[in-house]
PDB file of N, CA and C in Angstrom:
ATOM      1  N   MET A   1      56.839  20.271  43.483  1.00  0.00           N
ATOM      2  CA  MET A   1      56.552  21.079  42.580  1.00  0.00           C
ATOM      3  C   MET A   1      54.859  20.953  42.126  1.00  0.00           C
ATOM      4  N   GLU A   2      54.367  19.853  42.017  1.00  0.00           N
ATOM      5  CA  GLU A   2      53.220  19.797  41.353  1.00  0.00           C
ATOM      6  C   GLU A   2      52.284  20.497  42.788  1.00  0.00           C
ATOM      7  N   LYS A   3      52.847  20.687  43.790  1.00  0.00           N
ATOM      8  CA  LYS A   3      51.684  21.328  44.946  1.00  0.00           C
ATOM      9  C   LYS A   3      51.188  22.620  44.525  1.00  0.00           C
ATOM     10  N   LEU A   4      52.944  23.393  43.898  1.00  0.00           N
ATOM     11  CA  LEU A   4      53.055  24.411  43.845  1.00  0.00           C
ATOM     12  C   LEU A   4      52.097  25.312  42.827  1.00  0.00           C
ATOM     13  N   LYS A   5      52.008  24.223  41.461  1.00  0.00           N
ATOM     14  CA  LYS A   5      51.281  23.908  40.654  1.00  0.00           C
ATOM     15  C   LYS A   5      50.135  24.285  40.562  1.00  0.00           C
ATOM     16  N   LYS A   6      49.869  23.281  41.960  1.00  0.00           N
ATOM     17  CA  LYS A   6      48.046  23.743  42.025  1.00  0.00           C
ATOM     18  C   LYS A   6      47.648  24.279  42.615  1.00  0.00           C
ATOM     19  N   TYR A   7      48.916  24.712  43.511  1.00  0.00           N
ATOM     20  CA  TYR A   7      48.419  26.037  44.731  1.00  0.00           C
ATOM     21  C   TYR A   7      48.010  27.343  43.850  1.00  0.00           C
ATOM     22  N   ALA A   8      49.337  27.265  43.030  1.00  0.00           N
ATOM     23  CA  ALA A   8      49.388  28.412  41.917  1.00  0.00           C
ATOM     24  C   ALA A   8      47.733  28.451  41.172  1.00  0.00           C
ATOM     25  N   ALA A   9      47.566  27.524  41.151  1.00  0.00           N
ATOM     26  CA  ALA A   9      46.449  27.678  39.805  1.00  0.00           C
ATOM     27  C   ALA A   9      45.256  27.889  40.327  1.00  0.00           C
ATOM     28  N   ILE A  10      45.150  27.336  41.356  1.00  0.00           N
ATOM     29  CA  ILE A  10      43.923  27.442  42.566  1.00  0.00           C
ATOM     30  C   ILE A  10      43.898  29.124  43.129  1.00  0.00           C
ATOM     31  N   VAL A  11      44.839  29.452  43.619  1.00  0.00           N
ATOM     32  CA  VAL A  11      45.072  31.038  43.592  1.00  0.00           C
ATOM     33  C   VAL A  11      44.818  32.361  42.275  1.00  0.00           C
ATOM     34  N   LYS A  12      45.102  31.731  41.235  1.00  0.00           N
ATOM     35  CA  LYS A  12      45.080  32.149  40.522  1.00  0.00           C
ATOM     36  C   LYS A  12      43.273  32.550  39.915  1.00  0.00           C
ATOM     37  N   GLU A  13      42.976  31.331  40.055  1.00  0.00           N
ATOM     38  CA  GLU A  13      41.411  31.700  39.637  1.00  0.00           C
ATOM     39  C   GLU A  13      40.663  31.900  41.063  1.00  0.00           C
ATOM     40  N   GLU A  14      40.967  31.956  41.717  1.00  0.00           N
ATOM     41  CA  GLU A  14      40.170  32.642  42.807  1.00  0.00           C
ATOM     42  C   GLU A  14      39.983  33.757  42.787  1.00  0.00           C
ATOM     43  N   LEU A  15      41.196  34.692  42.806  1.00  0.00           N
ATOM     44  CA  LEU A  15      41.610  36.043  42.335  1.00  0.00           C
ATOM     45  C   LEU A  15      40.937  36.525  41.185  1.00  0.00           C
ATOM     46  N   GLY A  16      41.092  35.970  39.945  1.00  0.00           N
ATOM     47  CA  GLY A  16      40.166  35.641  38.765  1.00  0.00           C
ATOM     48  C   GLY A  16      39.006  36.404  39.278  1.00  0.00           C
ATOM     49  N   ARG A  17      38.100  35.326  39.521  1.00  0.00           N
ATOM     50  CA  ARG A  17      36.661  35.906  40.306  1.00  0.00           C
ATOM     51  C   ARG A  17      36.559  37.137  41.030  1.00  0.00           C
ATOM     52  N   TYR A  18      37.464  37.884  41.425  1.00  0.00           N
ATOM     53  CA  TYR A  18      37.326  38.924  41.829  1.00  0.00           C
ATOM     54  C   TYR A  18      37.654  39.873  40.840  1.00  0.00           C
ATOM     55  N   ALA A  19      38.543  39.488  40.582  1.00  0.00           N
ATOM     56  CA  ALA A  19      39.273  40.609  39.210  1.00  0.00           C
ATOM     57  C   ALA A  19      37.534  41.092  38.600  1.00  0.00           C
ATOM     58  N   GLY A  20      37.201  40.190  38.413  1.00  0.00           N
ATOM     59  CA  GLY A  20      35.491  40.786  36.858  1.00  0.00           C
ATOM     60  C   GLY A  20      34.396  41.276  38.023  1.00  0.00           C
ATOM     61  N   MET A  21      34.728  41.305  38.989  1.00  0.00           N
ATOM     62  CA  MET A  21      33.787  42.441  39.698  1.00  0.00           C
ATOM     63  C   MET A  21      33.813  43.920  40.204  1.00  0.00           C
ATOM     64  N   THR A  22      32.580  44.126  39.844  1.00  0.00           N
ATOM     65  CA  THR A  22      32.598  45.750  40.492  1.00  0.00           C
ATOM     66  C   THR A  22      32.118  46.106  41.043  1.00  0.00           C
ATOM     67  N   TYR A  23      31.997  47.299  41.591  1.00  0.00           N
ATOM     68  CA  TYR A  23      30.804  47.837  42.292  1.00  0.00           C
ATOM     69  C   TYR A  23      30.133  48.826  42.050  1.00  0.00           C
ATOM     70  N   ALA A  24      28.714  48.078  42.507  1.00  0.00           N
ATOM     71  CA  ALA A  24      27.810  48.983  42.054  1.00  0.00           C
ATOM     72  C   ALA A  24      27.551  50.820  42.777  1.00  0.00           C
ATOM     73  N   ASN A  25      28.147  50.790  44.167  1.00  0.00           N
ATOM     74  CA  ASN A  25      28.226  52.116  44.361  1.00  0.00           C
ATOM     75  C   ASN A  25      29.212  53.485  43.531  1.00  0.00           C
ATOM     76  N   ALA A  26      30.363  52.781  42.698  1.00  0.00           N
ATOM     77  CA  ALA A  26      31.062  52.686  42.780  1.00  0.00           C
ATOM     78  C   ALA A  26      31.984  52.876  41.236  1.00  0.00           C
ATOM     79  N   PRO A  27      30.505  52.312  40.122  1.00  0.00           N
ATOM     80  CA  PRO A  27      31.053  51.546  39.349  1.00  0.00           C
ATOM     81  C   PRO A  27      32.442  52.022  38.497  1.00  0.00           C
ATOM     82  N   GLN A  28      32.961  53.232  38.425  1.00  0.00           N
ATOM     83  CA  GLN A  28      34.160  53.684  37.571  1.00  0.00           C
ATOM     84  C   GLN A  28      35.425  53.490  38.005  1.00  0.00           C
ATOM     85  N   LEU A  29      35.064  52.356  39.620  1.00  0.00           N
ATOM     86  CA  LEU A  29      36.395  51.908  39.383  1.00  0.00           C
ATOM     87  C   LEU A  29      36.896  50.240  39.314  1.00  0.00           C
ATOM     88  N   LYS A  30      37.692  50.656  38.504  1.00  0.00           N
ATOM     89  CA  LYS A  30      38.346  49.328  37.633  1.00  0.00           C
ATOM     90  C   LYS A  30      39.516  48.501  38.652  1.00  0.00           C
ATOM     91  N   MET A  31      39.026  47.023  38.203  1.00  0.00           N
ATOM     92  CA  MET A  31      39.911  46.113  38.916  1.00  0.00           C
ATOM     93  C   MET A  31      41.392  46.004  38.200  1.00  0.00           C
ATOM     94  N   HIS A  32      42.230  45.783  38.476  1.00  0.00           N
ATOM     95  CA  HIS A  32      43.418  45.013  37.249  1.00  0.00           C
ATOM     96  C   HIS A  32      44.330  44.197  38.379  1.00  0.00           C
ATOM     97  N   TYR A  33      43.631  43.402  37.732  1.00  0.00           N
ATOM     98  CA  TYR A  33      44.667  41.418  38.254  1.00  0.00           C
ATOM     99  C   TYR A  33      46.193  40.841  37.549  1.00  0.00           C
ATOM    100  N   VAL A  34      47.322  41.419  38.363  1.00  0.00           N
ATOM    101  CA  VAL A  34      48.074  41.341  37.696  1.00  0.00           C
ATOM    102  C   VAL A  34      48.757  39.945  38.608  1.00  0.00           C
ATOM    103  N   VAL A  35      49.525  39.364  37.273  1.00  0.00           N
ATOM    104  CA  VAL A  35      50.019  38.124  37.701  1.00  0.00           C
ATOM    105  C   VAL A  35      51.372  37.818  37.263  1.00  0.00           C
ATOM    106  N   ASN A  36      52.370  37.572  38.539  1.00  0.00           N
ATOM    107  CA  ASN A  36      53.751  37.079  37.818  1.00  0.00           C
ATOM    108  C   ASN A  36      53.724  35.369  37.780  1.00  0.00           C
ATOM    109  N   GLU A  37      53.554  35.240  37.087  1.00  0.00           N
ATOM    110  CA  GLU A  37      53.848  33.326  36.345  1.00  0.00           C
ATOM    111  C   GLU A  37      55.612  32.548  37.136  1.00  0.00           C
ATOM    112  N   GLU A  38      56.603  33.824  36.968  1.00  0.00           N
ATOM    113  CA  GLU A  38      57.136  33.100  37.269  1.00  0.00           C
ATOM    114  C   GLU A  38      57.582  33.297  38.545  1.00  0.00           C
ATOM    115  N   GLU A  39      57.389  34.031  39.499  1.00  0.00           N
ATOM    116  CA  GLU A  39      57.485  34.082  40.825  1.00  0.00           C
ATOM    117  C   GLU A  39      56.223  33.908  41.889  1.00  0.00           C
ATOM    118  N   ASN A  40      55.085  33.494  41.025  1.00  0.00           N
ATOM    119  CA  ASN A  40      54.197  32.730  41.491  1.00  0.00           C
ATOM    120  C   ASN A  40      52.920  34.072  42.477  1.00  0.00           C
ATOM    121  N   GLU A  41      53.499  34.610  41.715  1.00  0.00           N
ATOM    122  CA  GLU A  41      52.883  36.601  42.576  1.00  0.00           C
ATOM    123  C   GLU A  41      51.221  36.540  42.324  1.00  0.00           C
ATOM    124  N   PHE A  42      50.293  37.487  42.736  1.00  0.00           N
ATOM    125  CA  PHE A  42      49.046  37.848  42.491  1.00  0.00           C
ATOM    126  C   PHE A  42      48.696  38.759  43.345  1.00  0.00           C
ATOM    127  N   VAL A  43      48.426  39.789  42.417  1.00  0.00           N
ATOM    128  CA  VAL A  43      47.864  41.076  42.809  1.00  0.00           C
ATOM    129  C   VAL A  43      46.617  41.546  42.421  1.00  0.00           C
ATOM    130  N   LEU A  44      45.462  41.770  43.158  1.00  0.00           N
ATOM    131  CA  LEU A  44      44.236  42.306  42.204  1.00  0.00           C
ATOM    132  C   LEU A  44      44.387  43.999  43.522  1.00  0.00           C
ATOM    133  N   LEU A  45      44.292  45.053  42.333  1.00  0.00           N
ATOM    134  CA  LEU A  45      44.230  46.413  42.423  1.00  0.00           C
ATOM    135  C   LEU A  45      42.647  46.858  42.067  1.00  0.00           C
ATOM    136  N   GLU A  46      42.309  47.940  42.842  1.00  0.00           N
ATOM    137  CA  GLU A  46      41.547  48.484  42.325  1.00  0.00           C
ATOM    138  C   GLU A  46      42.026  49.644  41.731  1.00  0.00           C
ATOM    139  N   SER A  47      41.417  50.509  41.113  1.00  0.00           N
ATOM    140  CA  SER A  47      41.651  52.324  40.932  1.00  0.00           C
ATOM    141  C   SER A  47      41.214  52.855  40.024  1.00  0.00           C
ATOM    142  N   GLY A  48      40.481  54.518  40.502  1.00  0.00           N
ATOM    143  CA  GLY A  48      39.882  54.733  39.715  1.00  0.00           C
ATOM    144  C   GLY A  48      39.304  56.641  40.269  1.00  0.00           C
ATOM    145  N   TRP A  49      38.593  57.097  39.664  1.00  0.00           N
ATOM    146  CA  TRP A  49      38.108  58.535  40.378  1.00  0.00           C
ATOM    147  C   TRP A  49      36.481  57.897  41.256  1.00  0.00           C
ATOM    148  N   ILE A  50      36.611  58.301  42.382  1.00  0.00           N
ATOM    149  CA  ILE A  50      35.386  59.077  42.555  1.00  0.00           C
ATOM    150  C   ILE A  50      34.759  60.157  42.959  1.00  0.00           C
ATOM    151  N   LYS A  51      34.096  60.790  41.994  1.00  0.00           N
ATOM    152  CA  LYS A  51      33.937  62.196  42.431  1.00  0.00           C
ATOM    153  C   LYS A  51      35.292  62.860  41.984  1.00  0.00           C
ATOM    154  N   TYR A  52      36.137  63.334  43.085  1.00  0.00           N
ATOM    155  CA  TYR A  52      37.118  64.106  42.753  1.00  0.00           C
ATOM    156  C   TYR A  52      38.388  63.704  43.644  1.00  0.00           C
ATOM    157  N   ALA A  53      38.316  62.290  43.477  1.00  0.00           N
ATOM    158  CA  ALA A  53      39.424  61.567  44.557  1.00  0.00           C
ATOM    159  C   ALA A  53      40.092  60.706  43.895  1.00  0.00           C
ATOM    160  N   PHE A  54      41.400  60.258  43.512  1.00  0.00           N
ATOM    161  CA  PHE A  54      41.474  58.857  43.172  1.00  0.00           C
ATOM    162  C   PHE A  54      42.008  58.260  43.621  1.00  0.00           C
ATOM    163  N   HIS A  55      41.504  56.846  44.113  1.00  0.00           N
ATOM    164  CA  HIS A  55      41.669  55.829  44.687  1.00  0.00           C
ATOM    165  C   HIS A  55      42.836  55.027  43.697  1.00  0.00           C
ATOM    166  N   HIS A  56      43.321  54.527  44.429  1.00  0.00           N
ATOM    167  CA  HIS A  56      44.382  53.447  44.147  1.00  0.00           C
ATOM    168  C   HIS A  56      44.832  52.705  45.043  1.00  0.00           C
ATOM    169  N   ASN A  57      44.210  51.281  45.325  1.00  0.00           N
ATOM    170  CA  ASN A  57      44.882  50.166  46.869  1.00  0.00           C
ATOM    171  C   ASN A  57      44.710  49.326  46.069  1.00  0.00           C
ATOM    172  N   VAL A  58      45.497  48.350  46.973  1.00  0.00           N
ATOM    173  CA  VAL A  58      45.822  46.919  46.556  1.00  0.00           C
ATOM    174  C   VAL A  58      44.842  46.196  47.598  1.00  0.00           C
ATOM    175  N   ILE A  59      43.676  45.492  46.990  1.00  0.00           N
ATOM    176  CA  ILE A  59      43.242  44.209  47.084  1.00  0.00           C
ATOM    177  C   ILE A  59      43.251  43.274  47.912  1.00  0.00           C
ATOM    178  N   PHE A  60      44.122  42.186  46.908  1.00  0.00           N
ATOM    179  CA  PHE A  60      44.790  41.139  47.629  1.00  0.00           C
ATOM    180  C   PHE A  60      46.634  41.505  47.352  1.00  0.00           C
ATOM    181  N   HIS A  61      47.061  40.780  47.796  1.00  0.00           N
ATOM    182  CA  HIS A  61      48.431  40.318  47.475  1.00  0.00           C
ATOM    183  C   HIS A  61      48.874  38.692  47.716  1.00  0.00           C
ATOM    184  N   LEU A  62      49.206  37.891  47.146  1.00  0.00           N
ATOM    185  CA  LEU A  62      49.693  36.484  47.320  1.00  0.00           C
ATOM    186  C   LEU A  62      50.848  35.673  46.676  1.00  0.00           C
ATOM    187  N   GLN A  63      51.241  34.874  46.793  1.00  0.00           N
ATOM    188  CA  GLN A  63      52.685  34.440  46.434  1.00  0.00           C
ATOM    189  C   GLN A  63      52.745  33.177  46.681  1.00  0.00           C
ATOM    190  N   VAL A  64      52.785  32.184  46.077  1.00  0.00           N
ATOM    191  CA  VAL A  64      53.029  30.895  46.727  1.00  0.00           C
ATOM    192  C   VAL A  64      54.628  30.291  45.899  1.00  0.00           C
ATOM    193  N   LYS A  65      55.062  30.184  47.137  1.00  0.00           N
ATOM    194  CA  LYS A  65      56.545  30.285  47.368  1.00  0.00           C
ATOM    195  C   LYS A  65      57.448  29.063  48.414  1.00  0.00           C
ATOM    196  N   ASN A  66      57.866  28.472  48.096  1.00  0.00           N
ATOM    197  CA  ASN A  66      58.567  27.424  49.235  1.00  0.00           C
ATOM    198  C   ASN A  66      57.125  26.383  49.793  1.00  0.00           C
ATOM    199  N   GLY A  67      56.554  25.559  49.142  1.00  0.00           N
ATOM    200  CA  GLY A  67      55.704  25.019  49.451  1.00  0.00           C
ATOM    201  C   GLY A  67      54.139  25.432  49.724  1.00  0.00           C
ATOM    202  N   ARG A  68      54.338  27.449  50.269  1.00  0.00           N
ATOM    203  CA  ARG A  68      53.207  27.925  51.128  1.00  0.00           C
ATOM    204  C   ARG A  68      52.508  28.817  50.518  1.00  0.00           C
ATOM    205  N   VAL A  69      51.438  29.675  50.407  1.00  0.00           N
ATOM    206  CA  VAL A  69      50.563  30.458  49.510  1.00  0.00           C
ATOM    207  C   VAL A  69      50.501  31.190  50.614  1.00  0.00           C
ATOM    208  N   ARG A  70      51.489  32.439  50.511  1.00  0.00           N
ATOM    209  CA  ARG A  70      51.794  33.203  51.580  1.00  0.00           C
ATOM    210  C   ARG A  70      50.981  35.299  51.166  1.00  0.00           C
ATOM    211  N   ILE A  71      49.857  34.838  52.252  1.00  0.00           N
ATOM    212  CA  ILE A  71      48.829  36.206  51.961  1.00  0.00           C
ATOM    213  C   ILE A  71      49.431  37.422  52.815  1.00  0.00           C
ATOM    214  N   PHE A  72      49.873  38.186  52.201  1.00  0.00           N
ATOM    215  CA  PHE A  72      50.908  39.451  52.471  1.00  0.00           C
ATOM    216  C   PHE A  72      49.632  40.458  52.498  1.00  0.00           C
ATOM    217  N   CYS A  73      48.537  40.605  51.562  1.00  0.00           N
ATOM    218  CA  CYS A  73      47.212  41.578  51.759  1.00  0.00           C
ATOM    219  C   CYS A  73      46.102  41.002  51.763  1.00  0.00           C
ATOM    220  N   ASN A  74      45.081  41.609  52.354  1.00  0.00           N
ATOM    221  CA  ASN A  74      43.453  41.421  52.136  1.00  0.00           C
ATOM    222  C   ASN A  74      43.128  42.268  52.778  1.00  0.00           C
ATOM    223  N   ASN A  75      42.450  43.161  51.985  1.00  0.00           N
ATOM    224  CA  ASN A  75      42.043  44.754  52.243  1.00  0.00           C
ATOM    225  C   ASN A  75      40.450  44.742  52.280  1.00  0.00           C
ATOM    226  N   THR A  76      39.673  43.240  52.053  1.00  0.00           N
ATOM    227  CA  THR A  76      38.747  42.962  51.807  1.00  0.00           C
ATOM    228  C   THR A  76      38.066  42.404  53.230  1.00  0.00           C
ATOM    229  N   ASP A  77      36.579  42.145  53.894  1.00  0.00           N
ATOM    230  CA  ASP A  77      35.944  41.232  54.731  1.00  0.00           C
ATOM    231  C   ASP A  77      35.844  39.823  54.069  1.00  0.00           C
ATOM    232  N   ILE A  78      36.625  39.824  53.273  1.00  0.00           N
ATOM    233  CA  ILE A  78      36.092  38.097  52.762  1.00  0.00           C
ATOM    234  C   ILE A  78      37.957  37.280  53.604  1.00  0.00           C
ATOM    235  N   GLU A  79      37.305  36.348  53.767  1.00  0.00           N
ATOM    236  CA  GLU A  79      38.309  35.363  54.653  1.00  0.00           C
ATOM    237  C   GLU A  79      38.792  34.609  53.235  1.00  0.00           C
ATOM    238  N   ILE A  80      39.834  35.046  52.717  1.00  0.00           N
ATOM    239  CA  ILE A  80      40.443  34.468  51.560  1.00  0.00           C
ATOM    240  C   ILE A  80      41.210  33.139  52.061  1.00  0.00           C
ATOM    241  N   GLY A  81      42.269  32.958  53.002  1.00  0.00           N
ATOM    242  CA  GLY A  81      42.330  31.713  53.446  1.00  0.00           C
ATOM    243  C   GLY A  81      41.442  31.109  53.411  1.00  0.00           C
ATOM    244  N   ASP A  82      39.630  30.966  54.063  1.00  0.00           N
ATOM    245  CA  ASP A  82      38.799  30.010  54.062  1.00  0.00           C
ATOM    246  C   ASP A  82      38.558  29.526  52.552  1.00  0.00           C
ATOM    247  N   ARG A  83      38.283  30.668  51.578  1.00  0.00           N
ATOM    248  CA  ARG A  83      38.033  30.110  50.643  1.00  0.00           C
ATOM    249  C   ARG A  83      39.098  29.132  49.406  1.00  0.00           C
ATOM    250  N   LEU A  84      39.952  29.828  50.000  1.00  0.00           N
ATOM    251  CA  LEU A  84      41.329  29.029  49.790  1.00  0.00           C
ATOM    252  C   LEU A  84      41.664  27.639  50.175  1.00  0.00           C
ATOM    253  N   ALA A  85      41.235  27.597  51.467  1.00  0.00           N
ATOM    254  CA  ALA A  85      40.944  25.682  52.128  1.00  0.00           C
ATOM    255  C   ALA A  85      40.076  25.124  50.956  1.00  0.00           C
ATOM    256  N   GLU A  86      38.751  25.800  51.263  1.00  0.00           N
ATOM    257  CA  GLU A  86      37.633  25.110  50.660  1.00  0.00           C
ATOM    258  C   GLU A  86      38.077  24.691  48.782  1.00  0.00           C
ATOM    259  N   LYS A  87      38.703  25.226  48.479  1.00  0.00           N
ATOM    260  CA  LYS A  87      39.003  24.978  47.090  1.00  0.00           C
ATOM    261  C   LYS A  87      40.502  23.827  46.812  1.00  0.00           C
ATOM    262  N   GLY A  88      40.828  23.136  48.322  1.00  0.00           N
ATOM    263  CA  GLY A  88      41.612  22.518  48.668  1.00  0.00           C
ATOM    264  C   GLY A  88      43.079  22.691  48.551  1.00  0.00           C
ATOM    265  N   ILE A  89      43.288  24.241  49.609  1.00  0.00           N
ATOM    266  CA  ILE A  89      44.782  24.082  49.803  1.00  0.00           C
ATOM    267  C   ILE A  89      44.777  24.589  51.197  1.00  0.00           C
ATOM    268  N   PRO A  90      45.347  24.171  52.004  1.00  0.00           N
ATOM    269  CA  PRO A  90      45.240  23.167  53.441  1.00  0.00           C
ATOM    270  C   PRO A  90      45.468  24.967  54.467  1.00  0.00           C
ATOM    271  N   LYS A  91      45.136  24.774  55.333  1.00  0.00           N
ATOM    272  CA  LYS A  91      45.317  26.227  55.837  1.00  0.00           C
ATOM    273  C   LYS A  91      46.924  26.446  56.642  1.00  0.00           C
ATOM    274  N   SER A  92      47.600  25.077  57.000  1.00  0.00           N
ATOM    275  CA  SER A  92      48.697  24.717  57.345  1.00  0.00           C
ATOM    276  C   SER A  92      49.381  24.904  56.737  1.00  0.00           C
ATOM    277  N   ASP A  93      48.847  25.156  55.143  1.00  0.00           N
ATOM    278  CA  ASP A  93      50.082  25.387  54.283  1.00  0.00           C
ATOM    279  C   ASP A  93      49.599  27.037  53.615  1.00  0.00           C
ATOM    280  N   MET A  94      49.094  27.706  54.404  1.00  0.00           N
ATOM    281  CA  MET A  94      49.387  29.005  54.224  1.00  0.00           C
ATOM    282  C   MET A  94      49.750  30.032  55.468  1.00  0.00           C
ATOM    283  N   VAL A  95      50.545  30.736  54.967  1.00  0.00           N
ATOM    284  CA  VAL A  95      50.897  31.944  55.837  1.00  0.00           C
ATOM    285  C   VAL A  95      50.305  33.319  56.067  1.00  0.00           C
ATOM    286  N   VAL A  96      49.722  33.615  56.756  1.00  0.00           N
ATOM    287  CA  VAL A  96      49.096  35.414  57.142  1.00  0.00           C
ATOM    288  C   VAL A  96      50.365  36.322  57.221  1.00  0.00           C
ATOM    289  N   GLU A  97      50.853  36.382  56.450  1.00  0.00           N
ATOM    290  CA  GLU A  97      52.012  37.624  56.181  1.00  0.00           C
ATOM    291  C   GLU A  97      51.815  38.521  57.355  1.00  0.00           C
ATOM    292  N   PHE A  98      50.765  39.330  56.930  1.00  0.00           N
ATOM    293  CA  PHE A  98      50.301  40.599  57.769  1.00  0.00           C
ATOM    294  C   PHE A  98      50.271  40.488  59.101  1.00  0.00           C
ATOM    295  N   VAL A  99      50.011  39.244  59.692  1.00  0.00           N
ATOM    296  CA  VAL A  99      50.057  39.146  60.811  1.00  0.00           C
ATOM    297  C   VAL A  99      50.970  38.850  61.691  1.00  0.00           C
ATOM    298  N   PRO A 100      51.092  39.242  62.807  1.00  0.00           N
ATOM    299  CA  PRO A 100      52.876  39.146  63.646  1.00  0.00           C
ATOM    300  C   PRO A 100      52.705  37.512  63.781  1.00  0.00           C
ATOM    301  N   GLU A 101      53.698  37.017  63.880  1.00  0.00           N
ATOM    302  CA  GLU A 101      53.922  35.712  63.294  1.00  0.00           C
ATOM    303  C   GLU A 101      53.753  35.073  65.155  1.00  0.00           C
ATOM    304  N   LEU A 102      53.702  35.925  66.164  1.00  0.00           N
ATOM    305  CA  LEU A 102      53.257  35.223  67.472  1.00  0.00           C
ATOM    306  C   LEU A 102      51.628  34.868  67.790  1.00  0.00           C
ATOM    307  N   GLU A 103      50.837  35.926  66.683  1.00  0.00           N
ATOM    308  CA  GLU A 103      49.816  35.781  66.776  1.00  0.00           C
ATOM    309  C   GLU A 103      49.013  35.047  66.099  1.00  0.00           C
ATOM    310  N   ARG A 104      49.460  34.055  64.687  1.00  0.00           N
ATOM    311  CA  ARG A 104      49.004  33.242  64.031  1.00  0.00           C
ATOM    312  C   ARG A 104      48.492  32.036  64.351  1.00  0.00           C
ATOM    313  N   GLY A 105      46.998  31.988  63.817  1.00  0.00           N
ATOM    314  CA  GLY A 105      46.766  30.899  64.252  1.00  0.00           C
ATOM    315  C   GLY A 105      45.188  30.533  63.414  1.00  0.00           C
ATOM    316  N   ASN A 106      44.689  29.909  64.122  1.00  0.00           N
ATOM    317  CA  ASN A 106      43.025  29.661  63.285  1.00  0.00           C
ATOM    318  C   ASN A 106      43.947  28.310  62.607  1.00  0.00           C
ATOM    319  N   GLY A 107      45.041  27.355  62.680  1.00  0.00           N
ATOM    320  CA  GLY A 107      45.234  26.625  61.651  1.00  0.00           C
ATOM    321  C   GLY A 107      45.979  26.645  60.981  1.00  0.00           C
ATOM    322  N   TYR A 108      46.191  28.442  60.833  1.00  0.00           N
ATOM    323  CA  TYR A 108      47.802  28.943  59.470  1.00  0.00           C
ATOM    324  C   TYR A 108      48.644  28.292  59.963  1.00  0.00           C
ATOM    325  N   ALA A 109      49.574  28.151  59.414  1.00  0.00           N
ATOM    326  CA  ALA A 109      51.097  27.896  59.220  1.00  0.00           C
ATOM    327  C   ALA A 109      51.561  29.281  60.059  1.00  0.00           C
ATOM    328  N   LYS A 110      53.044  28.737  60.571  1.00  0.00           N
ATOM    329  CA  LYS A 110      53.438  30.089  61.512  1.00  0.00           C
ATOM    330  C   LYS A 110      54.547  31.387  60.947  1.00  0.00           C
ATOM    331  N   ASN A 111      55.039  30.164  59.336  1.00  0.00           N
ATOM    332  CA  ASN A 111      56.253  30.628  58.800  1.00  0.00           C
ATOM    333  C   ASN A 111      56.143  30.033  57.641  1.00  0.00           C
TER     334      ASN A 111
END
């Protein structure tokens, strides 16, 4: 249980850093950081208007569950797994859910 709390705190802190960022080329886009403490689920969204188009996108979606950090979505070029590993979560305790199980590698857990 202590491991889950540690992992959740690391994920929460790391995604919180990105929540405070803005785009220089689209300052009207706002970040929305959604945290579900009960489910240890973390989602970072962006939304707003750019000219005549409304944008609403999931940037990151992670969950800490069953002893692992599950990465459901990463719509950036940031290697969030590497960042979390630098903070103390071993890649062997992370699952990249959006990659088919047979293709998962680079030290990440298969399931």
